[in-house]
Amino acid sequence: LVSLLDRVHILMVNDEEARQLADEPNLLRASRWIRERGPDIVVVKKGEHGAILFADDWLFHVPGFPLEEVFDPTGAGDAFAGGFMGHIAAAGSLDTDDIRRAMVYGSVMGSYAVERFSVDRLIDLIPDAIEERMLGFHQMT
């Protein structure tokens, strides 16, 4: 895997994967180690605690969207990745604002994924509901 990092622009891993890959318990140092091997951006997913994006001269933390009940956390990280990449693809841009917005979309999509078992909540999810939760997310900050 390490030999392929110089071909990657954005690497998305969970916190344990980042620590193992870099053999470093500190996420800041682990992400720096990973970035030194190729990726411009490292996104570290931290489950219910959100995610942190590490770039050259900045970082961005997005919290997990607060929920009273979690039915099934399986696939939440994949839903986060889908929301993140979906926004990047739709925006057609990798500027700082779009990347930050992609992080929020990722958090929103991850929050929907845990509301039901498997992909059940995502199957009937409509864009208006996503935008409503995005608005709720922005109102919290």
N, C-alpha and C. Protein backbone atom coordinates (compact mmCIF):
# COMPACT_ATOMS: atom_id res chain seq x y z
N LEU A 1 0.82 -1.20 0.00
CA LEU A 1 0.00 0.00 0.00
C LEU A 1 0.87 1.26 0.00
N VAL A 2 1.89 1.28 0.81
CA VAL A 2 2.75 2.47 0.91
C VAL A 2 3.33 2.84 -0.45
N SER A 3 3.69 1.84 -1.24
CA SER A 3 4.30 2.12 -2.55
C SER A 3 3.31 2.77 -3.51
N LEU A 4 2.02 2.69 -3.23
CA LEU A 4 1.01 3.28 -4.11
C LEU A 4 0.58 4.68 -3.68
N LEU A 5 0.99 5.12 -2.51
CA LEU A 5 0.53 6.40 -1.99
C LEU A 5 0.91 7.58 -2.87
N ASP A 6 2.01 7.48 -3.61
CA ASP A 6 2.40 8.60 -4.47
C ASP A 6 1.49 8.73 -5.69
N ARG A 7 0.55 7.83 -5.87
CA ARG A 7 -0.42 7.91 -6.97
C ARG A 7 -1.78 8.42 -6.51
N VAL A 8 -1.89 8.74 -5.24
CA VAL A 8 -3.17 9.08 -4.63
C VAL A 8 -3.22 10.57 -4.32
N HIS A 9 -4.33 11.22 -4.68
CA HIS A 9 -4.51 12.64 -4.36
C HIS A 9 -5.20 12.80 -2.99
N ILE A 10 -6.25 12.01 -2.76
CA ILE A 10 -6.98 12.06 -1.50
C ILE A 10 -7.04 10.63 -0.95
N LEU A 11 -6.58 10.45 0.27
CA LEU A 11 -6.67 9.15 0.93
C LEU A 11 -7.65 9.27 2.08
N MET A 12 -8.61 8.35 2.13
CA MET A 12 -9.59 8.34 3.21
C MET A 12 -9.46 7.02 3.97
N VAL A 13 -9.16 7.14 5.26
CA VAL A 13 -8.97 5.98 6.12
C VAL A 13 -9.62 6.26 7.47
N ASN A 14 -9.84 5.21 8.26
CA ASN A 14 -10.30 5.48 9.62
C ASN A 14 -9.09 5.72 10.52
N ASP A 15 -9.34 6.12 11.74
CA ASP A 15 -8.23 6.50 12.62
C ASP A 15 -7.29 5.34 12.91
N GLU A 16 -7.83 4.15 13.09
CA GLU A 16 -6.96 3.00 13.36
C GLU A 16 -6.12 2.65 12.14
N GLU A 17 -6.70 2.74 10.96
CA GLU A 17 -5.93 2.47 9.73
C GLU A 17 -4.79 3.47 9.56
N ALA A 18 -5.05 4.74 9.86
CA ALA A 18 -4.00 5.76 9.75
C ALA A 18 -2.86 5.47 10.72
N ARG A 19 -3.22 5.11 11.94
CA ARG A 19 -2.19 4.79 12.94
C ARG A 19 -1.37 3.57 12.54
N GLN A 20 -2.04 2.54 12.03
CA GLN A 20 -1.33 1.33 11.62
C GLN A 20 -0.44 1.57 10.41
N LEU A 21 -0.96 2.30 9.43
CA LEU A 21 -0.20 2.56 8.22
C LEU A 21 1.09 3.31 8.53
N ALA A 22 0.99 4.30 9.40
CA ALA A 22 2.15 5.13 9.74
C ALA A 22 2.94 4.59 10.93
N ASP A 23 2.42 3.57 11.58
CA ASP A 23 3.03 3.05 12.81
C ASP A 23 3.26 4.19 13.79
N GLU A 24 2.18 4.98 13.98
CA GLU A 24 2.26 6.20 14.79
C GLU A 24 0.92 6.40 15.51
N PRO A 25 0.92 6.47 16.85
CA PRO A 25 -0.34 6.63 17.58
C PRO A 25 -0.96 8.03 17.46
N ASN A 26 -0.16 9.04 17.18
CA ASN A 26 -0.66 10.41 17.08
C ASN A 26 -1.19 10.65 15.67
N LEU A 27 -2.47 11.04 15.56
CA LEU A 27 -3.08 11.20 14.23
C LEU A 27 -2.47 12.34 13.42
N LEU A 28 -2.06 13.40 14.06
CA LEU A 28 -1.43 14.51 13.34
C LEU A 28 -0.12 14.04 12.71
N ARG A 29 0.70 13.36 13.48
CA ARG A 29 1.96 12.85 12.94
C ARG A 29 1.72 11.73 11.93
N ALA A 30 0.73 10.89 12.19
CA ALA A 30 0.42 9.80 11.25
C ALA A 30 -0.03 10.37 9.91
N SER A 31 -0.89 11.37 9.94
CA SER A 31 -1.36 11.96 8.67
C SER A 31 -0.22 12.66 7.94
N ARG A 32 0.66 13.31 8.68
CA ARG A 32 1.82 13.95 8.05
C ARG A 32 2.70 12.89 7.37
N TRP A 33 2.94 11.78 8.06
CA TRP A 33 3.73 10.68 7.50
C TRP A 33 3.09 10.16 6.21
N ILE A 34 1.78 9.99 6.23
CA ILE A 34 1.08 9.51 5.03
C ILE A 34 1.19 10.53 3.91
N ARG A 35 0.95 11.81 4.23
CA ARG A 35 1.00 12.85 3.20
C ARG A 35 2.39 12.99 2.60
N GLU A 36 3.42 12.78 3.38
CA GLU A 36 4.79 12.86 2.87
C GLU A 36 5.06 11.78 1.82
N ARG A 37 4.22 10.78 1.75
CA ARG A 37 4.40 9.70 0.79
C ARG A 37 3.49 9.84 -0.43
N GLY A 38 2.79 10.98 -0.55
CA GLY A 38 2.04 11.19 -1.78
C GLY A 38 0.75 11.96 -1.70
N PRO A 39 -0.22 11.52 -0.91
CA PRO A 39 -1.52 12.20 -0.95
C PRO A 39 -1.43 13.67 -0.51
N ASP A 40 -2.12 14.53 -1.26
CA ASP A 40 -2.21 15.94 -0.87
C ASP A 40 -3.14 16.10 0.33
N ILE A 41 -4.13 15.22 0.40
CA ILE A 41 -5.16 15.31 1.44
C ILE A 41 -5.33 13.94 2.07
N VAL A 42 -5.40 13.91 3.39
CA VAL A 42 -5.72 12.69 4.12
C VAL A 42 -6.96 12.99 4.96
N VAL A 43 -8.00 12.19 4.76
CA VAL A 43 -9.21 12.29 5.56
C VAL A 43 -9.21 11.11 6.52
N VAL A 44 -9.27 11.42 7.80
CA VAL A 44 -9.29 10.39 8.83
C VAL A 44 -10.68 10.37 9.46
N LYS A 45 -11.39 9.27 9.25
CA LYS A 45 -12.73 9.10 9.81
C LYS A 45 -12.61 8.60 11.25
N LYS A 46 -13.43 9.20 12.13
CA LYS A 46 -13.36 8.87 13.55
C LYS A 46 -14.71 8.42 14.09
N GLY A 47 -15.49 7.73 13.27
CA GLY A 47 -16.77 7.20 13.72
C GLY A 47 -17.71 8.30 14.18
N GLU A 48 -18.35 8.07 15.33
CA GLU A 48 -19.33 9.03 15.84
C GLU A 48 -18.71 10.39 16.17
N HIS A 49 -17.38 10.46 16.21
CA HIS A 49 -16.69 11.72 16.52
C HIS A 49 -16.37 12.53 15.27
N GLY A 50 -16.84 12.07 14.12
CA GLY A 50 -16.67 12.84 12.90
C GLY A 50 -15.45 12.44 12.11
N ALA A 51 -14.80 13.43 11.53
CA ALA A 51 -13.63 13.18 10.68
C ALA A 51 -12.75 14.42 10.67
N ILE A 52 -11.47 14.18 10.40
CA ILE A 52 -10.50 15.27 10.30
C ILE A 52 -9.83 15.19 8.94
N LEU A 53 -9.77 16.32 8.26
CA LEU A 53 -9.07 16.41 6.98
C LEU A 53 -7.74 17.11 7.22
N PHE A 54 -6.68 16.48 6.78
CA PHE A 54 -5.34 17.04 6.90
C PHE A 54 -4.85 17.40 5.50
N ALA A 55 -4.45 18.65 5.32
CA ALA A 55 -3.88 19.11 4.05
C ALA A 55 -2.54 19.76 4.36
N ASP A 56 -1.93 20.35 3.35
CA ASP A 56 -0.57 20.88 3.49
C ASP A 56 -0.44 21.89 4.63
N ASP A 57 -1.25 22.92 4.60
CA ASP A 57 -1.09 23.97 5.59
C ASP A 57 -2.38 24.25 6.36
N TRP A 58 -3.29 23.30 6.35
CA TRP A 58 -4.54 23.47 7.08
C TRP A 58 -5.15 22.12 7.41
N LEU A 59 -6.03 22.13 8.41
CA LEU A 59 -6.82 20.95 8.71
C LEU A 59 -8.24 21.40 9.00
N PHE A 60 -9.16 20.45 8.91
CA PHE A 60 -10.57 20.76 9.10
C PHE A 60 -11.23 19.59 9.80
N HIS A 61 -11.88 19.87 10.91
CA HIS A 61 -12.60 18.82 11.64
C HIS A 61 -14.10 19.03 11.46
N VAL A 62 -14.79 17.96 11.16
CA VAL A 62 -16.24 18.00 11.10
C VAL A 62 -16.75 16.99 12.13
N PRO A 63 -17.65 17.41 13.01
CA PRO A 63 -18.17 16.46 14.00
C PRO A 63 -19.15 15.49 13.37
N GLY A 64 -19.42 14.42 14.07
CA GLY A 64 -20.50 13.54 13.66
C GLY A 64 -21.82 14.25 13.93
N PHE A 65 -22.80 14.05 13.07
CA PHE A 65 -24.11 14.67 13.28
C PHE A 65 -24.75 14.00 14.50
N PRO A 66 -25.18 14.78 15.50
CA PRO A 66 -25.72 14.18 16.72
C PRO A 66 -27.07 13.50 16.48
N LEU A 67 -27.15 12.28 16.95
CA LEU A 67 -28.38 11.49 16.84
C LEU A 67 -28.71 10.90 18.21
N GLU A 68 -29.99 10.80 18.50
CA GLU A 68 -30.39 10.18 19.76
C GLU A 68 -30.29 8.66 19.70
N GLU A 69 -30.50 8.09 18.53
CA GLU A 69 -30.46 6.64 18.40
C GLU A 69 -29.64 6.23 17.19
N VAL A 70 -28.84 5.21 17.39
CA VAL A 70 -28.07 4.60 16.30
C VAL A 70 -28.50 3.14 16.23
N PHE A 71 -29.02 2.74 15.08
CA PHE A 71 -29.49 1.36 14.94
C PHE A 71 -28.41 0.42 14.42
N ASP A 72 -27.61 0.90 13.48
CA ASP A 72 -26.59 0.02 12.89
C ASP A 72 -25.46 0.87 12.32
N PRO A 73 -24.30 0.88 12.98
CA PRO A 73 -23.20 1.71 12.49
C PRO A 73 -22.48 1.13 11.27
N THR A 74 -22.82 -0.10 10.90
CA THR A 74 -22.17 -0.73 9.75
C THR A 74 -22.39 0.10 8.49
N GLY A 75 -21.34 0.44 7.82
CA GLY A 75 -21.44 1.17 6.56
C GLY A 75 -21.44 2.67 6.69
N ALA A 76 -21.40 3.19 7.92
CA ALA A 76 -21.42 4.64 8.10
C ALA A 76 -20.20 5.29 7.47
N GLY A 77 -19.04 4.66 7.62
CA GLY A 77 -17.83 5.21 7.02
C GLY A 77 -17.88 5.20 5.50
N ASP A 78 -18.48 4.16 4.94
CA ASP A 78 -18.65 4.10 3.49
C ASP A 78 -19.63 5.17 3.02
N ALA A 79 -20.69 5.38 3.80
CA ALA A 79 -21.65 6.44 3.46
C ALA A 79 -20.98 7.81 3.55
N PHE A 80 -20.11 7.99 4.55
CA PHE A 80 -19.34 9.23 4.66
C PHE A 80 -18.52 9.42 3.38
N ALA A 81 -17.81 8.38 2.98
CA ALA A 81 -16.97 8.47 1.77
C ALA A 81 -17.82 8.79 0.55
N GLY A 82 -18.99 8.17 0.45
CA GLY A 82 -19.88 8.44 -0.68
C GLY A 82 -20.36 9.88 -0.71
N GLY A 83 -20.74 10.41 0.46
CA GLY A 83 -21.17 11.80 0.53
C GLY A 83 -20.04 12.75 0.19
N PHE A 84 -18.85 12.46 0.69
CA PHE A 84 -17.67 13.28 0.41
C PHE A 84 -17.37 13.29 -1.08
N MET A 85 -17.20 12.11 -1.66
CA MET A 85 -16.83 12.02 -3.07
C MET A 85 -17.96 12.48 -3.99
N GLY A 86 -19.20 12.22 -3.58
CA GLY A 86 -20.33 12.70 -4.37
C GLY A 86 -20.33 14.21 -4.49
N HIS A 87 -20.04 14.89 -3.39
CA HIS A 87 -20.00 16.35 -3.46
C HIS A 87 -18.82 16.83 -4.30
N ILE A 88 -17.67 16.22 -4.12
CA ILE A 88 -16.50 16.61 -4.92
C ILE A 88 -16.81 16.44 -6.41
N ALA A 89 -17.42 15.32 -6.76
CA ALA A 89 -17.76 15.07 -8.17
C ALA A 89 -18.77 16.08 -8.68
N ALA A 90 -19.79 16.38 -7.87
CA ALA A 90 -20.82 17.34 -8.29
C ALA A 90 -20.25 18.75 -8.40
N ALA A 91 -19.37 19.11 -7.48
CA ALA A 91 -18.78 20.46 -7.50
C ALA A 91 -17.77 20.61 -8.62
N GLY A 92 -17.12 19.52 -8.97
CA GLY A 92 -16.09 19.59 -10.01
C GLY A 92 -14.89 20.42 -9.60
N SER A 93 -14.66 20.49 -8.29
CA SER A 93 -13.62 21.37 -7.78
C SER A 93 -12.98 20.76 -6.55
N LEU A 94 -11.72 21.09 -6.36
CA LEU A 94 -11.02 20.69 -5.14
C LEU A 94 -10.57 21.92 -4.36
N ASP A 95 -11.32 23.02 -4.49
CA ASP A 95 -10.92 24.19 -3.71
C ASP A 95 -11.31 23.97 -2.25
N THR A 96 -10.75 24.76 -1.38
CA THR A 96 -10.91 24.57 0.06
C THR A 96 -12.36 24.56 0.49
N ASP A 97 -13.17 25.48 -0.01
CA ASP A 97 -14.58 25.53 0.39
C ASP A 97 -15.32 24.26 -0.02
N ASP A 98 -15.07 23.78 -1.23
CA ASP A 98 -15.75 22.57 -1.69
C ASP A 98 -15.30 21.35 -0.90
N ILE A 99 -14.04 21.29 -0.55
CA ILE A 99 -13.55 20.16 0.24
C ILE A 99 -14.17 20.19 1.64
N ARG A 100 -14.25 21.35 2.24
CA ARG A 100 -14.89 21.46 3.56
C ARG A 100 -16.36 21.09 3.47
N ARG A 101 -17.03 21.56 2.45
CA ARG A 101 -18.45 21.22 2.26
C ARG A 101 -18.60 19.72 2.05
N ALA A 102 -17.67 19.11 1.34
CA ALA A 102 -17.70 17.66 1.13
C ALA A 102 -17.59 16.92 2.45
N MET A 103 -16.79 17.43 3.37
CA MET A 103 -16.67 16.81 4.69
C MET A 103 -18.02 16.84 5.43
N VAL A 104 -18.73 17.95 5.31
CA VAL A 104 -20.03 18.05 5.97
C VAL A 104 -21.02 17.10 5.31
N TYR A 105 -21.02 17.04 3.97
CA TYR A 105 -21.89 16.07 3.29
C TYR A 105 -21.56 14.65 3.75
N GLY A 106 -20.30 14.36 3.92
CA GLY A 106 -19.91 13.04 4.40
C GLY A 106 -20.50 12.75 5.77
N SER A 107 -20.42 13.70 6.67
CA SER A 107 -20.97 13.52 8.01
C SER A 107 -22.48 13.33 7.96
N VAL A 108 -23.14 14.11 7.14
CA VAL A 108 -24.59 13.99 6.99
C VAL A 108 -24.96 12.60 6.46
N MET A 109 -24.29 12.15 5.43
CA MET A 109 -24.61 10.84 4.86
C MET A 109 -24.31 9.71 5.84
N GLY A 110 -23.23 9.82 6.57
CA GLY A 110 -22.93 8.83 7.59
C GLY A 110 -24.02 8.78 8.65
N SER A 111 -24.56 9.94 9.00
CA SER A 111 -25.61 9.98 10.02
C SER A 111 -26.89 9.31 9.52
N TYR A 112 -27.19 9.45 8.25
CA TYR A 112 -28.36 8.76 7.71
C TYR A 112 -28.15 7.25 7.68
N ALA A 113 -26.95 6.83 7.38
CA ALA A 113 -26.67 5.40 7.24
C ALA A 113 -26.92 4.63 8.54
N VAL A 114 -26.72 5.26 9.68
CA VAL A 114 -26.86 4.54 10.95
C VAL A 114 -28.29 4.52 11.49
N GLU A 115 -29.21 5.18 10.81
CA GLU A 115 -30.58 5.28 11.31
C GLU A 115 -31.39 4.00 11.14
N ARG A 116 -30.98 3.15 10.23
CA ARG A 116 -31.65 1.86 10.02
C ARG A 116 -30.59 0.80 9.75
N PHE A 117 -31.02 -0.42 9.66
CA PHE A 117 -30.09 -1.50 9.38
C PHE A 117 -29.68 -1.49 7.91
N SER A 118 -28.44 -1.89 7.69
CA SER A 118 -27.87 -2.02 6.35
C SER A 118 -28.01 -0.70 5.59
N VAL A 119 -28.46 -0.76 4.35
CA VAL A 119 -28.61 0.45 3.53
C VAL A 119 -30.05 0.92 3.47
N ASP A 120 -30.91 0.38 4.33
CA ASP A 120 -32.34 0.67 4.25
C ASP A 120 -32.66 2.16 4.27
N ARG A 121 -31.99 2.93 5.09
CA ARG A 121 -32.29 4.37 5.17
C ARG A 121 -31.81 5.11 3.93
N LEU A 122 -30.76 4.64 3.33
CA LEU A 122 -30.22 5.33 2.16
C LEU A 122 -31.04 5.08 0.91
N ILE A 123 -31.71 3.95 0.85
CA ILE A 123 -32.47 3.58 -0.35
C ILE A 123 -33.57 4.60 -0.65
N ASP A 124 -34.29 5.04 0.38
CA ASP A 124 -35.41 5.96 0.15
C ASP A 124 -35.07 7.41 0.49
N LEU A 125 -33.80 7.70 0.65
CA LEU A 125 -33.37 9.05 1.00
C LEU A 125 -33.49 9.97 -0.21
N ILE A 126 -34.12 11.12 -0.01
CA ILE A 126 -34.30 12.08 -1.11
C ILE A 126 -33.38 13.28 -0.90
N PRO A 127 -33.01 13.95 -2.00
CA PRO A 127 -32.10 15.10 -1.89
C PRO A 127 -32.58 16.18 -0.92
N ASP A 128 -33.90 16.43 -0.87
CA ASP A 128 -34.40 17.47 0.04
C ASP A 128 -34.08 17.14 1.50
N ALA A 129 -34.14 15.86 1.86
CA ALA A 129 -33.82 15.46 3.23
C ALA A 129 -32.34 15.68 3.53
N ILE A 130 -31.51 15.41 2.55
CA ILE A 130 -30.07 15.64 2.72
C ILE A 130 -29.80 17.12 2.94
N GLU A 131 -30.41 17.95 2.11
CA GLU A 131 -30.20 19.40 2.24
C GLU A 131 -30.77 19.93 3.56
N GLU A 132 -31.88 19.34 4.02
CA GLU A 132 -32.45 19.75 5.30
C GLU A 132 -31.48 19.45 6.45
N ARG A 133 -30.87 18.28 6.40
CA ARG A 133 -29.91 17.94 7.45
C ARG A 133 -28.65 18.80 7.32
N MET A 134 -28.26 19.12 6.08
CA MET A 134 -27.12 20.03 5.89
C MET A 134 -27.41 21.37 6.56
N LEU A 135 -28.62 21.86 6.37
CA LEU A 135 -29.01 23.13 6.99
C LEU A 135 -28.97 23.00 8.51
N GLY A 136 -29.49 21.89 9.03
CA GLY A 136 -29.44 21.66 10.47
C GLY A 136 -28.02 21.61 10.99
N PHE A 137 -27.15 21.03 10.20
CA PHE A 137 -25.73 20.94 10.57
C PHE A 137 -25.13 22.33 10.67
N HIS A 138 -25.42 23.16 9.68
CA HIS A 138 -24.87 24.52 9.68
C HIS A 138 -25.44 25.36 10.81
N GLN A 139 -26.68 25.11 11.18
CA GLN A 139 -27.28 25.86 12.28
C GLN A 139 -26.66 25.50 13.63
N MET A 140 -26.08 24.31 13.72
CA MET A 140 -25.42 23.90 14.96
C MET A 140 -24.07 24.59 15.15
N THR A 141 -23.46 25.02 14.05
CA THR A 141 -22.11 25.56 14.15
C THR A 141 -22.11 27.06 14.25
